[in-house]
Amino acid sequence: MSTHLPGAAQEIAERALALSRADHTTVVVDELASADLRWACNGVTLLSSNQDRSVTIVSVVGRGQHGAAGVVHRRGAGPDELAELAAVVDDADRRHPHARDATAPPPARRDGDRDLPPERAAPEVLDATIDGLSGAFRRGARDGLEHHGYASHRHTTTYLASSSGLRLRHAGAAGHLDAQLRSADGTMSSWAGTGTTDFGDVAVAGLDDELRRRLHADLPLIEVPAGRHDTVLSPACMADLMLHLYWSAEVERAAAGGSPLGASGRPRLGERLAPPGLSLRSDPHDPVLRCAPFTVARESGAAGSVFDNGVPLAPTRWIDDGMLRALPGSRRAAGAAGVPATGPVDNLILDGPAASAAGPDPAAGIERGLLVTSLWYIRDVDPSRLLVTGVSRDGVHVVEDGRVVGRAANLRFEESSLEVLARAVAVGPARRTVGREGGPSLPRTVMPSLRVPDFRWTATSDAV
């Protein structure tokens, strides 16, 4: 399906600014081209593409920390709707009290490519994936195995304009693939996923081979009791746990004592939280995980503020060599906490000294333990401790003397995403991956496998 989008994005932004009666206005226009593919039981069930536009208008009445903001967001908005949107948002900001995150707008700045049209992904972005799946489906049907999964691609060009002189543009693409292989009787399953920019680096034949290898169909099912087990968490598992840590690391929350990242009314910057050598970082200019180098906030929340739209973003080490160095948050929250402001960046990288030196087998060195492929249904238990619960899914492997010797039923866990990092004793090779649960929200992640010698598994699970 394709949507007709009248009017250039830049013209939409300029007209919305002209129509606003507020003291300060920011307009964000997103031009989105998307493609989605789903498959089940060795057949494609959905293939769709779409072009869409969304317009966000942030209208501020008042100055500096005394500003009140109204926000309106509309999909598919064209030039004829802008007067209505501007009137709605201008009325909203006059009815709101002063915003807790209010601050002065960032200074004027203009991108050199601001006048360029939106970028579009190639229409055939998923064609090679479909061709590869056809061969995997034939192999699966021959061997009594079923392929299930989905692939998604988003190419977004964002235009940001403000009445204080910001004229910015960013074009970027991101996709991810989530693939499951199951035996026809449902007794065995495996999973693999990856993040990608344009699917040019996704080889479905290799993915099919990996899924078959992870199935370990020739190995016995071994009963594993609840308890603390020496556990290797795959890069996908680490992506989900580190995304939870990242999304829970707001500076305001830490300063208020609402997480273990703060104490005595202040963030714990400069304190050790993880073993030496481990670093958790973000970089908007990373050549593989490139994302917007300025803040784009379509609403205010714990980690971001509409008052910060257009603020430049830089490479940031949240945890550097095991030490807490920065926390994401708004300029207002950082100022109140007395720490430098660091806006959230839309990618996340975990690396350490063993990332390039470790061998490719993450189970090496384990006398007896578990190798876990992916986690699912991760939910907060105690936010003040960053404690979460969830279940393993599609692949718990029993390891003895560094070798996979069997399969195990899925297990429920309860762990702190921060404590998992703090108790790590080994780090495997870092690679691009995607969290099985968090991947759709943030597919730009690079993670290693990580070994936790006493990971807490609380119960066996019937989840598949």
Protein backbone atom coordinates (compact mmCIF):
# COMPACT_ATOMS: atom_id res chain seq x y z
CA MET A 1 0.00 0.00 0.00
CA SER A 2 1.28 3.49 -0.78
CA THR A 3 -0.05 6.76 0.63
CA HIS A 4 -0.06 9.96 -1.42
CA LEU A 5 1.75 12.66 0.54
CA PRO A 6 1.13 16.17 -0.83
CA GLY A 7 3.57 18.98 -0.11
CA ALA A 8 7.30 18.82 0.58
CA ALA A 9 8.29 18.10 4.18
CA GLN A 10 10.28 21.33 4.39
CA GLU A 11 7.25 23.34 3.20
CA ILE A 12 5.03 21.60 5.76
CA ALA A 13 7.43 22.58 8.55
CA GLU A 14 7.76 26.20 7.44
CA ARG A 15 4.02 26.66 7.06
CA ALA A 16 3.34 25.18 10.51
CA LEU A 17 5.87 27.60 12.03
CA ALA A 18 4.21 30.55 10.29
CA LEU A 19 0.76 29.54 11.55
CA SER A 20 1.78 29.17 15.21
CA ARG A 21 1.01 32.00 17.64
CA ALA A 22 3.21 30.62 20.44
CA ASP A 23 6.38 32.14 21.90
CA HIS A 24 8.39 29.24 20.49
CA THR A 25 7.47 26.43 18.12
CA THR A 26 9.23 23.29 16.94
CA VAL A 27 7.99 21.17 14.05
CA VAL A 28 9.13 17.62 13.34
CA VAL A 29 8.15 16.06 10.02
CA ASP A 30 8.92 12.36 9.56
CA GLU A 31 8.79 10.81 6.09
CA LEU A 32 8.63 7.03 6.48
CA ALA A 33 9.03 4.27 3.92
CA SER A 34 8.46 0.82 5.39
CA ALA A 35 8.40 -2.81 4.29
CA ASP A 36 7.24 -5.84 6.27
CA LEU A 37 7.44 -9.57 5.64
CA ARG A 38 5.98 -12.41 7.71
CA TRP A 39 6.11 -16.15 7.27
CA ALA A 40 4.72 -19.21 9.06
CA CYS A 41 4.63 -22.96 8.44
CA ASN A 42 7.07 -22.66 5.52
CA GLY A 43 5.14 -20.03 3.63
CA VAL A 44 4.97 -16.25 3.30
CA THR A 45 1.84 -14.90 5.01
CA LEU A 46 2.35 -11.14 4.58
CA LEU A 47 4.31 -8.82 2.33
CA SER A 48 3.51 -5.12 2.53
CA SER A 49 5.08 -1.73 1.91
CA ASN A 50 3.94 1.74 2.83
CA GLN A 51 4.86 5.39 2.66
CA ASP A 52 3.65 7.63 5.43
CA ARG A 53 4.18 11.04 6.98
CA SER A 54 3.76 12.22 10.53
CA VAL A 55 3.85 15.80 11.76
CA THR A 56 4.58 16.79 15.36
CA ILE A 57 4.13 20.38 16.50
CA VAL A 58 5.49 21.52 19.86
CA SER A 59 4.11 24.90 20.90
CA VAL A 60 5.61 26.74 23.90
CA VAL A 61 4.15 29.71 25.78
CA GLY A 62 6.49 31.40 28.26
CA ARG A 63 10.24 31.66 28.40
CA GLY A 64 13.02 29.48 29.76
CA GLN A 65 12.03 27.40 32.77
CA HIS A 66 8.62 29.07 32.89
CA GLY A 67 7.45 27.61 29.59
CA ALA A 68 4.31 25.55 29.09
CA ALA A 69 4.17 23.18 26.13
CA GLY A 70 1.41 21.76 24.01
CA VAL A 71 2.10 18.89 21.63
CA VAL A 72 0.04 17.54 18.74
CA HIS A 73 1.00 14.58 16.58
CA ARG A 74 -0.79 13.60 13.39
CA ARG A 75 -0.12 10.87 10.84
CA GLY A 76 -0.57 11.64 7.19
CA ALA A 77 -0.90 15.38 7.75
CA GLY A 78 -0.79 17.58 4.67
CA PRO A 79 -0.77 21.35 4.08
CA ASP A 80 -4.54 21.68 4.43
CA GLU A 81 -4.54 20.34 7.98
CA LEU A 82 -1.80 22.53 9.39
CA ALA A 83 -4.00 25.47 10.42
CA GLU A 84 -6.18 23.14 12.46
CA LEU A 85 -3.17 21.44 14.07
CA ALA A 86 -1.51 24.75 14.93
CA ALA A 87 -4.71 26.05 16.52
CA VAL A 88 -5.13 22.88 18.57
CA VAL A 89 -1.58 22.89 19.89
CA ASP A 90 -1.52 26.63 20.60
CA ASP A 91 -4.69 26.27 22.64
CA ALA A 92 -3.26 23.28 24.50
CA ASP A 93 -0.11 25.04 25.69
CA ARG A 94 -2.12 27.92 27.13
CA ARG A 95 -4.14 25.50 29.26
CA HIS A 96 -1.10 23.64 30.63
CA PRO A 97 0.90 24.66 33.72
CA HIS A 98 4.61 25.35 33.48
CA ALA A 99 6.37 22.19 32.32
CA ARG A 100 8.79 20.43 34.68
CA ASP A 101 11.23 19.96 31.80
CA ALA A 102 10.99 23.52 30.43
CA THR A 103 14.21 25.21 29.38
CA ALA A 104 15.47 27.63 26.75
CA PRO A 105 15.49 26.45 23.12
CA PRO A 106 18.82 25.41 21.59
CA PRO A 107 20.56 27.99 19.39
CA ALA A 108 20.02 28.28 15.65
CA ARG A 109 21.76 25.75 13.42
CA ARG A 110 21.24 24.59 9.85
CA ASP A 111 22.22 21.34 8.13
CA GLY A 112 23.76 21.60 4.69
CA ASP A 113 21.47 18.85 3.36
CA ARG A 114 18.31 20.31 4.89
CA ASP A 115 16.81 21.08 1.45
CA LEU A 116 17.26 17.57 0.07
CA PRO A 117 14.15 15.43 -0.51
CA PRO A 118 13.38 12.37 1.63
CA GLU A 119 15.41 9.26 0.98
CA ARG A 120 13.53 6.08 0.08
CA ALA A 121 14.59 2.49 0.51
CA ALA A 122 14.87 0.46 -2.67
CA PRO A 123 11.52 -1.24 -3.42
CA GLU A 124 13.31 -4.58 -3.60
CA VAL A 125 14.84 -4.27 -0.09
CA LEU A 126 13.32 -7.62 0.98
CA ASP A 127 13.53 -9.45 -2.36
CA ALA A 128 16.74 -11.33 -1.58
CA THR A 129 15.34 -12.33 1.81
CA ILE A 130 12.22 -13.73 0.14
CA ASP A 131 14.32 -15.67 -2.38
CA GLY A 132 16.44 -17.11 0.41
CA LEU A 133 13.39 -18.10 2.42
CA SER A 134 12.00 -20.05 -0.53
CA GLY A 135 14.96 -22.41 -0.36
CA ALA A 136 14.72 -22.66 3.44
CA PHE A 137 11.03 -23.49 3.18
CA ARG A 138 11.73 -26.35 0.75
CA ARG A 139 14.42 -27.77 3.03
CA GLY A 140 12.12 -27.47 6.01
CA ALA A 141 9.21 -29.25 4.33
CA ARG A 142 11.56 -32.04 3.26
CA ASP A 143 12.95 -32.51 6.79
CA GLY A 144 9.77 -32.09 8.84
CA LEU A 145 10.70 -28.62 10.09
CA GLU A 146 8.67 -25.40 10.04
CA HIS A 147 9.97 -21.87 9.57
CA HIS A 148 8.21 -18.95 11.29
CA GLY A 149 9.28 -15.32 11.57
CA TYR A 150 9.20 -11.79 10.30
CA ALA A 151 11.41 -9.11 8.79
CA SER A 152 10.84 -5.38 9.04
CA HIS A 153 12.54 -2.40 7.42
CA ARG A 154 12.08 1.31 8.16
CA HIS A 155 13.66 4.19 6.24
CA THR A 156 12.92 7.51 7.92
CA THR A 157 13.87 11.02 6.87
CA THR A 158 13.29 13.51 9.68
CA TYR A 159 13.06 17.27 9.20
CA LEU A 160 13.21 19.45 12.31
CA ALA A 161 12.53 23.21 12.22
CA SER A 162 12.06 25.72 15.01
CA SER A 163 11.17 29.37 15.37
CA SER A 164 14.59 29.95 16.96
CA GLY A 165 16.34 29.02 13.71
CA LEU A 166 16.91 25.26 13.75
CA ARG A 167 16.74 23.66 10.31
CA LEU A 168 17.91 20.04 10.58
CA ARG A 169 17.55 16.84 8.57
CA HIS A 170 18.50 13.23 9.16
CA ALA A 171 17.91 10.24 6.91
CA GLY A 172 18.47 6.76 8.25
CA ALA A 173 17.41 3.16 7.82
CA ALA A 174 17.11 0.22 10.17
CA GLY A 175 15.67 -3.25 9.95
CA HIS A 176 15.59 -6.48 11.86
CA LEU A 177 14.83 -10.13 11.26
CA ASP A 178 13.35 -12.62 13.73
CA ALA A 179 13.41 -16.28 12.67
CA GLN A 180 12.22 -19.44 14.40
CA LEU A 181 12.61 -23.07 13.35
CA ARG A 182 10.33 -25.70 14.91
CA SER A 183 9.89 -29.43 14.55
CA ALA A 184 6.50 -30.31 13.09
CA ASP A 185 5.45 -31.94 16.40
CA GLY A 186 6.39 -28.81 18.36
CA THR A 187 8.85 -30.57 20.66
CA MET A 188 11.98 -28.70 19.46
CA SER A 189 12.58 -25.12 18.44
CA SER A 190 15.41 -22.67 17.81
CA TRP A 191 15.65 -18.95 17.18
CA ALA A 192 17.98 -16.46 15.54
CA GLY A 193 17.70 -12.74 14.93
CA THR A 194 19.75 -9.89 13.59
CA GLY A 195 19.67 -6.17 13.05
CA THR A 196 20.52 -4.73 9.65
CA THR A 197 20.60 -1.50 7.70
CA ASP A 198 19.38 -2.67 4.29
CA PHE A 199 19.23 -6.52 4.45
CA GLY A 200 22.23 -6.69 2.12
CA ASP A 201 24.17 -8.42 4.90
CA VAL A 202 21.44 -10.97 5.72
CA ALA A 203 22.17 -14.40 4.21
CA VAL A 204 19.09 -16.56 4.72
CA ALA A 205 20.89 -19.79 3.79
CA GLY A 206 23.43 -19.17 6.54
CA LEU A 207 20.64 -18.25 8.94
CA ASP A 208 18.87 -21.52 8.14
CA ASP A 209 22.07 -23.45 8.83
CA GLU A 210 22.44 -21.64 12.17
CA LEU A 211 18.84 -22.40 13.14
CA ARG A 212 19.38 -26.08 12.38
CA ARG A 213 22.60 -26.16 14.35
CA ARG A 214 20.90 -24.53 17.33
CA LEU A 215 18.08 -27.05 17.20
CA HIS A 216 20.46 -29.79 18.45
CA ALA A 217 17.91 -32.37 17.31
CA ASP A 218 20.28 -35.27 17.93
CA LEU A 219 20.85 -34.41 21.59
CA PRO A 220 18.75 -35.61 24.55
CA LEU A 221 16.38 -33.50 26.62
CA ILE A 222 17.98 -33.01 30.05
CA GLU A 223 16.06 -31.89 33.11
CA VAL A 224 17.53 -28.74 34.65
CA PRO A 225 16.21 -27.68 38.08
CA ALA A 226 15.64 -24.09 39.16
CA GLY A 227 18.59 -22.46 40.87
CA ARG A 228 21.73 -20.51 40.11
CA HIS A 229 23.54 -21.89 37.09
CA ASP A 230 26.71 -20.92 35.26
CA THR A 231 25.09 -19.32 32.22
CA VAL A 232 26.26 -17.91 28.91
CA LEU A 233 23.82 -15.34 27.57
CA SER A 234 23.85 -14.86 23.80
CA PRO A 235 24.30 -11.40 22.21
CA ALA A 236 20.52 -11.26 21.71
CA CYS A 237 19.95 -11.91 25.43
CA MET A 238 22.44 -9.21 26.30
CA ALA A 239 20.74 -6.76 23.95
CA ASP A 240 17.45 -7.16 25.80
CA LEU A 241 19.03 -6.85 29.25
CA MET A 242 21.22 -3.88 28.31
CA LEU A 243 18.27 -2.12 26.66
CA HIS A 244 16.38 -2.50 29.94
CA LEU A 245 19.35 -1.02 31.78
CA TYR A 246 19.65 1.83 29.27
CA TRP A 247 15.95 2.66 29.27
CA SER A 248 15.92 2.60 33.08
CA ALA A 249 18.97 4.84 33.49
CA GLU A 250 17.28 8.26 33.37
CA VAL A 251 19.24 10.89 35.25
CA GLU A 252 16.15 12.23 37.05
CA ARG A 253 15.24 8.78 38.34
CA ALA A 254 18.79 8.09 39.50
CA ALA A 255 19.03 11.45 41.28
CA ALA A 256 15.77 10.72 43.10
CA GLY A 257 17.09 7.37 44.35
CA GLY A 258 14.68 5.42 42.16
CA SER A 259 17.38 3.15 40.76
CA PRO A 260 20.74 1.72 41.86
CA LEU A 261 22.39 4.26 39.54
CA GLY A 262 21.89 6.96 42.15
CA ALA A 263 22.51 7.31 45.88
CA SER A 264 22.11 10.03 48.52
CA GLY A 265 20.26 12.30 46.12
CA ARG A 266 22.81 12.21 43.30
CA PRO A 267 23.75 10.01 40.33
CA ARG A 268 26.67 7.67 41.00
CA LEU A 269 28.87 9.10 38.27
CA GLY A 270 32.48 8.03 38.71
CA GLU A 271 31.62 4.91 40.70
CA ARG A 272 32.40 1.36 39.61
CA LEU A 273 29.37 -0.63 38.50
CA ALA A 274 30.94 -3.36 36.34
CA PRO A 275 34.25 -5.21 35.94
CA PRO A 276 37.17 -3.27 34.43
CA GLY A 277 37.18 -3.35 30.66
CA LEU A 278 33.43 -3.44 30.16
CA SER A 279 31.94 -0.40 28.43
CA LEU A 280 28.36 0.45 27.48
CA ARG A 281 28.20 3.24 24.94
CA SER A 282 26.24 4.95 22.16
CA ASP A 283 27.48 6.74 19.07
CA PRO A 284 25.19 8.47 16.55
CA HIS A 285 28.07 8.53 14.03
CA ASP A 286 28.91 4.81 14.24
CA PRO A 287 29.36 3.67 10.62
CA VAL A 288 27.18 0.56 11.13
CA LEU A 289 24.63 1.83 13.67
CA ARG A 290 24.33 5.43 12.43
CA CYS A 291 21.31 7.30 13.83
CA ALA A 292 20.10 10.90 14.32
CA PRO A 293 22.93 13.11 15.68
CA PHE A 294 20.45 15.45 17.37
CA THR A 295 17.55 15.00 19.79
CA VAL A 296 14.19 14.25 18.21
CA ALA A 297 11.52 14.15 20.94
CA ARG A 298 7.91 13.81 19.85
CA GLU A 299 6.79 13.81 23.48
CA SER A 300 8.36 14.44 26.87
CA GLY A 301 9.26 11.48 29.03
CA ALA A 302 11.68 10.29 31.67
CA ALA A 303 14.67 10.22 29.30
CA GLY A 304 13.83 13.00 26.85
CA SER A 305 12.10 16.36 26.51
CA VAL A 306 10.36 18.22 23.69
CA PHE A 307 12.26 21.31 24.88
CA ASP A 308 15.50 19.57 23.81
CA ASN A 309 14.54 19.05 20.17
CA GLY A 310 17.56 19.78 18.01
CA VAL A 311 20.19 19.52 20.78
CA PRO A 312 23.33 17.88 19.28
CA LEU A 313 24.18 14.33 20.35
CA ALA A 314 27.74 13.07 20.65
CA PRO A 315 29.41 9.68 21.18
CA THR A 316 28.77 8.87 24.83
CA ARG A 317 30.20 6.24 27.16
CA TRP A 318 27.51 5.51 29.73
CA ILE A 319 29.75 2.97 31.45
CA ASP A 320 33.46 3.25 30.66
CA ASP A 321 35.92 0.60 31.85
CA GLY A 322 33.31 -0.45 34.39
CA MET A 323 32.76 3.09 35.75
CA LEU A 324 29.48 5.00 35.44
CA ARG A 325 30.22 8.11 33.36
CA ALA A 326 26.89 9.45 32.08
CA LEU A 327 23.13 9.01 32.28
CA PRO A 328 20.56 9.88 29.62
CA GLY A 329 18.08 12.64 30.34
CA SER A 330 16.85 16.12 29.55
CA ARG A 331 18.91 19.29 30.01
CA ARG A 332 16.56 20.39 32.79
CA ALA A 333 16.88 17.10 34.71
CA ALA A 334 20.65 17.02 34.32
CA GLY A 335 20.94 20.60 35.54
CA ALA A 336 18.83 19.82 38.59
CA ALA A 337 21.07 16.82 39.36
CA GLY A 338 24.24 18.84 38.86
CA VAL A 339 25.63 16.63 36.10
CA PRO A 340 26.37 17.22 32.40
CA ALA A 341 23.39 16.80 30.09
CA THR A 342 23.59 13.79 27.76
CA GLY A 343 20.59 13.10 25.57
CA PRO A 344 19.58 9.53 24.70
CA VAL A 345 21.05 8.13 21.48
CA ASP A 346 19.22 5.58 19.34
CA ASN A 347 21.85 2.83 19.42
CA LEU A 348 23.67 0.80 22.08
CA ILE A 349 27.02 -1.01 22.10
CA LEU A 350 28.50 -3.25 24.80
CA ASP A 351 32.14 -4.20 24.45
CA GLY A 352 35.06 -5.33 26.54
CA PRO A 353 38.69 -6.48 26.37
CA ALA A 354 37.80 -10.04 25.39
CA ALA A 355 35.45 -9.00 22.57
CA SER A 356 38.12 -9.49 19.91
CA ALA A 357 40.30 -12.04 21.69
CA ALA A 358 37.68 -14.61 22.71
CA GLY A 359 37.08 -17.66 20.57
CA PRO A 360 33.86 -18.06 18.60
CA ASP A 361 32.45 -20.71 20.95
CA PRO A 362 30.83 -18.96 23.95
CA ALA A 363 30.50 -22.24 25.84
CA ALA A 364 34.24 -22.80 25.98
CA GLY A 365 35.54 -23.03 29.54
CA ILE A 366 32.25 -23.97 31.19
CA GLU A 367 32.48 -27.11 33.30
CA ARG A 368 28.72 -27.45 33.64
CA GLY A 369 26.16 -24.81 32.81
CA LEU A 370 23.71 -23.40 30.30
CA LEU A 371 23.91 -21.64 26.96
CA VAL A 372 20.79 -19.50 26.37
CA THR A 373 19.71 -18.23 22.96
CA SER A 374 17.03 -15.64 23.70
CA LEU A 375 14.85 -14.12 26.41
CA TRP A 376 11.18 -13.18 26.26
CA TYR A 377 8.40 -11.44 28.20
CA ILE A 378 10.82 -9.34 30.26
CA ARG A 379 8.94 -7.34 32.89
CA ASP A 380 9.88 -5.15 35.84
CA VAL A 381 9.76 -6.68 39.32
CA ASP A 382 11.50 -3.99 41.39
CA PRO A 383 12.54 -0.87 39.44
CA SER A 384 14.55 0.43 42.39
CA ARG A 385 16.90 -2.53 41.90
CA LEU A 386 16.45 -2.82 38.11
CA LEU A 387 15.11 -6.29 38.88
CA VAL A 388 13.26 -8.01 36.04
CA THR A 389 11.68 -11.36 35.35
CA GLY A 390 11.24 -13.21 32.10
CA VAL A 391 11.65 -16.56 30.39
CA SER A 392 14.13 -18.20 28.07
CA ARG A 393 12.74 -19.16 24.69
CA ASP A 394 13.67 -21.43 21.78
CA GLY A 395 17.00 -22.71 22.94
CA VAL A 396 18.39 -23.61 26.35
CA HIS A 397 21.42 -25.85 25.88
CA VAL A 398 23.17 -27.88 28.57
CA VAL A 399 26.96 -27.52 28.51
CA GLU A 400 29.52 -29.86 30.04
CA ASP A 401 33.29 -29.35 29.74
CA GLY A 402 32.79 -26.64 27.15
CA ARG A 403 30.57 -28.77 24.89
CA VAL A 404 26.80 -28.74 24.33
CA VAL A 405 25.54 -32.16 25.46
CA GLY A 406 21.77 -31.69 25.57
CA ARG A 407 18.66 -29.57 25.40
CA ALA A 408 16.67 -28.27 28.38
CA ALA A 409 13.16 -26.98 28.89
CA ASN A 410 12.71 -23.24 29.09
CA LEU A 411 13.29 -21.55 32.43
CA ARG A 412 11.98 -18.45 34.17
CA PHE A 413 14.57 -16.03 35.55
CA GLU A 414 14.71 -13.14 37.98
CA GLU A 415 17.75 -10.88 37.76
CA SER A 416 18.86 -7.27 37.88
CA SER A 417 20.01 -6.02 34.48
CA LEU A 418 22.75 -4.05 36.26
CA GLU A 419 23.85 -6.98 38.44
CA VAL A 420 24.16 -9.22 35.38
CA LEU A 421 26.74 -6.78 34.05
CA ALA A 422 28.43 -6.46 37.45
CA ARG A 423 28.87 -10.24 37.84
CA ALA A 424 30.14 -10.94 34.34
CA VAL A 425 33.33 -12.99 34.24
CA ALA A 426 33.87 -13.40 30.50
CA VAL A 427 32.89 -11.60 27.33
CA GLY A 428 32.61 -13.19 23.91
CA PRO A 429 33.03 -11.61 20.46
CA ALA A 430 30.85 -8.55 19.92
CA ARG A 431 28.59 -8.57 16.87
CA ARG A 432 25.52 -6.86 15.53
CA THR A 433 22.42 -8.42 17.01
CA VAL A 434 18.88 -7.62 18.02
CA GLY A 435 17.01 -8.12 21.27
CA ARG A 436 14.15 -10.51 20.74
CA GLU A 437 11.81 -8.32 22.78
CA GLY A 438 13.46 -4.91 22.50
CA GLY A 439 14.62 -5.22 18.89
CA PRO A 440 11.53 -3.70 17.27
CA SER A 441 12.02 -0.57 19.41
CA LEU A 442 15.80 -0.31 19.02
CA PRO A 443 17.34 -2.63 16.41
CA ARG A 444 20.72 -0.83 16.35
CA THR A 445 22.67 -2.88 18.90
CA VAL A 446 26.09 -4.53 19.02
CA MET A 447 26.60 -6.99 21.87
CA PRO A 448 28.91 -9.83 22.94
CA SER A 449 27.87 -13.05 24.60
CA LEU A 450 28.40 -12.77 28.35
CA ARG A 451 29.00 -15.39 31.02
CA VAL A 452 27.35 -15.02 34.44
CA PRO A 453 28.48 -17.81 36.82
CA ASP A 454 25.43 -17.60 39.10
CA PHE A 455 22.52 -16.52 36.92
CA ARG A 456 19.26 -17.00 38.86
CA TRP A 457 16.70 -19.30 37.27
CA THR A 458 13.59 -19.45 39.45
CA ALA A 459 11.41 -22.13 37.82
CA THR A 460 10.94 -24.30 34.78
CA SER A 461 8.54 -22.91 32.20
CA ASP A 462 6.04 -24.33 29.74
CA ALA A 463 6.79 -21.48 27.33
CA VAL A 464 7.85 -22.49 23.81
